[in-house]
Amino acid sequence: MFAQTPAYMRDLFEDEGHLLDRIDELAAARIARQSVIGQVPVTMIISQPRPAPLVGSAAIMAGQCGYLASVAERSGGRCMCFPMA
């Protein structure tokens, strides 16, 4: 996913089984790709199974949801969520 908070990324990579020494490298690469946010309009399409899996804690998930909303507002873009069956 393009727009993720660092805490969300790290917990997601850990849940996916990535080695801990590689998590910072993977997160840094994703953060670097986010540099276009605010420079061009961004449309985010999120497709998740329902119920959505919890990544990290409730606080991390709340932070991620807030971040998605702020990215859409800053970029002049949109954030759409389509649940998968």
Foldseek 3Di string as FASTA:
>chain_A
DQFADLLLQLQVCVVVPDDNVCSVVVSVVSVVSNVCQLVAADEAEAEAEPVHDDRDDPVRVVVGVVRVVVSNVNRVYYYHYDYDD
